[in-house]
Amino acid sequence: MATTAKSTNTSENTETLNTANQAVITEAATAAAHKAIEAMAEKARAAETATRQGAHHSSEALAQKKAELQAQANHLAENAQGFVHKHPFASAGIAFAAGALLASCFSKRS
């Protein structure tokens, strides 16, 4: 009987050790997983920040280009109006010629 009790005691000790080892392994795996997730989250935060900054700079650059193009368009419109006021007959002739050219380009004559 002593052998059976000793054998049962040894089995219980082995199970306890296995359970303890599994708990240690589980805790170590959990800690490693948390560490990896935190590292990935930090990289994602850095990537998001860089993306947002890039988008902001692009937005500013586009707004500046838009303002420049609007200024050029206004300047060209003012120049065209000035030419029409100074040379009304020449402007009418140019408009007629441009219309005739466009009509001949888009006409369906064979």
Protein backbone atom coordinates (compact mmCIF):
# COMPACT_ATOMS: atom_id res chain seq x y z
CA MET A 1 0.00 0.00 0.00
CA ALA A 2 2.82 2.32 0.64
CA THR A 3 3.85 1.90 -2.95
CA THR A 4 0.38 2.78 -4.20
CA ALA A 5 0.19 5.88 -2.01
CA LYS A 6 3.65 6.89 -3.09
CA SER A 7 2.71 6.32 -6.74
CA THR A 8 -0.50 8.37 -6.36
CA ASN A 9 1.44 11.11 -4.58
CA THR A 10 3.99 11.17 -7.37
CA SER A 11 1.22 11.39 -9.99
CA GLU A 12 -0.39 14.29 -8.15
CA ASN A 13 2.97 16.04 -7.89
CA THR A 14 3.56 15.52 -11.61
CA GLU A 15 0.11 16.92 -12.46
CA THR A 16 0.72 19.89 -10.19
CA LEU A 17 4.06 20.53 -11.85
CA ASN A 18 2.52 20.18 -15.32
CA THR A 19 -0.24 22.61 -14.38
CA ALA A 20 2.29 25.05 -12.93
CA ASN A 21 4.48 24.73 -16.04
CA GLN A 22 1.48 25.31 -18.28
CA ALA A 23 0.52 28.38 -16.27
CA VAL A 24 4.05 29.77 -16.54
CA ILE A 25 4.13 29.06 -20.28
CA THR A 26 0.68 30.63 -20.74
CA GLU A 27 1.73 33.72 -18.80
CA ALA A 28 4.94 34.02 -20.81
CA ALA A 29 3.05 33.61 -24.10
CA THR A 30 0.46 36.18 -23.01
CA ALA A 31 3.16 38.66 -22.03
CA ALA A 32 4.96 38.13 -25.34
CA ALA A 33 1.71 38.57 -27.25
CA HIS A 34 0.90 41.79 -25.37
CA LYS A 35 4.38 43.11 -26.04
CA ALA A 36 4.08 42.31 -29.76
CA ILE A 37 0.64 43.92 -29.95
CA GLU A 38 1.88 47.06 -28.21
CA ALA A 39 4.83 47.28 -30.60
CA MET A 40 2.52 46.91 -33.59
CA ALA A 41 0.13 49.50 -32.14
CA GLU A 42 2.99 51.96 -31.73
CA LYS A 43 4.07 51.41 -35.33
CA ALA A 44 0.47 51.89 -36.47
CA ARG A 45 0.25 55.14 -34.49
CA ALA A 46 3.46 56.39 -36.09
CA ALA A 47 2.20 55.42 -39.56
CA GLU A 48 -1.13 57.15 -38.93
CA THR A 49 0.61 60.30 -37.75
CA ALA A 50 2.88 60.35 -40.79
CA THR A 51 -0.09 59.78 -43.10
CA ARG A 52 -2.10 62.56 -41.49
CA GLN A 53 0.85 64.96 -41.73
CA GLY A 54 1.38 64.05 -45.38
CA ALA A 55 -2.29 64.59 -46.13
CA HIS A 56 -2.23 67.95 -44.34
CA HIS A 57 0.82 69.12 -46.30
CA SER A 58 -0.74 67.93 -49.56
CA SER A 59 -3.93 69.78 -48.73
CA GLU A 60 -2.01 72.97 -48.05
CA ALA A 61 -0.02 72.61 -51.27
CA LEU A 62 -3.19 72.05 -53.29
CA ALA A 63 -4.87 75.06 -51.69
CA GLN A 64 -1.84 77.20 -52.57
CA LYS A 65 -1.82 75.92 -56.19
CA LYS A 66 -5.56 76.58 -56.44
CA ALA A 67 -5.05 80.18 -55.30
CA GLU A 68 -2.20 80.64 -57.79
CA LEU A 69 -4.26 79.25 -60.67
CA GLN A 70 -7.24 81.42 -59.74
CA ALA A 71 -4.99 84.48 -59.73
CA GLN A 72 -3.62 83.54 -63.17
CA ALA A 73 -7.14 82.97 -64.52
CA ASN A 74 -8.26 86.35 -63.18
CA HIS A 75 -5.21 88.01 -64.74
CA LEU A 76 -5.89 86.39 -68.12
CA ALA A 77 -9.57 87.39 -67.94
CA GLU A 78 -8.60 90.99 -67.16
CA ASN A 79 -6.14 91.00 -70.08
CA ALA A 80 -8.81 89.64 -72.43
CA GLN A 81 -11.32 92.23 -71.29
CA GLY A 82 -8.75 94.97 -71.76
CA PHE A 83 -8.01 93.77 -75.31
CA VAL A 84 -11.74 93.66 -76.15
CA HIS A 85 -12.23 97.23 -74.86
CA LYS A 86 -9.19 98.54 -76.76
CA HIS A 87 -9.84 96.62 -80.00
CA PRO A 88 -13.55 95.80 -80.33
CA PHE A 89 -13.53 95.14 -84.12
CA ALA A 90 -10.44 92.95 -83.97
CA SER A 91 -12.02 91.03 -81.10
CA ALA A 92 -15.18 90.45 -83.11
CA GLY A 93 -13.11 89.26 -86.11
CA ILE A 94 -11.11 86.88 -83.92
CA ALA A 95 -14.31 85.52 -82.37
CA PHE A 96 -15.86 85.01 -85.82
CA ALA A 97 -12.74 83.24 -87.12
CA ALA A 98 -12.56 80.99 -84.07
CA GLY A 99 -16.26 80.11 -84.45
CA ALA A 100 -15.84 79.33 -88.15
CA LEU A 101 -12.81 77.14 -87.41
CA LEU A 102 -14.66 75.20 -84.71
CA ALA A 103 -17.72 74.79 -86.94
CA SER A 104 -15.59 73.39 -89.75
CA CYS A 105 -13.88 70.98 -87.35
CA PHE A 106 -17.16 69.67 -85.96
CA SER A 107 -19.22 69.65 -89.13
CA LYS A 108 -20.32 66.25 -90.41
CA ARG A 109 -19.46 66.85 -94.07
CA SER A 110 -17.72 64.00 -95.81
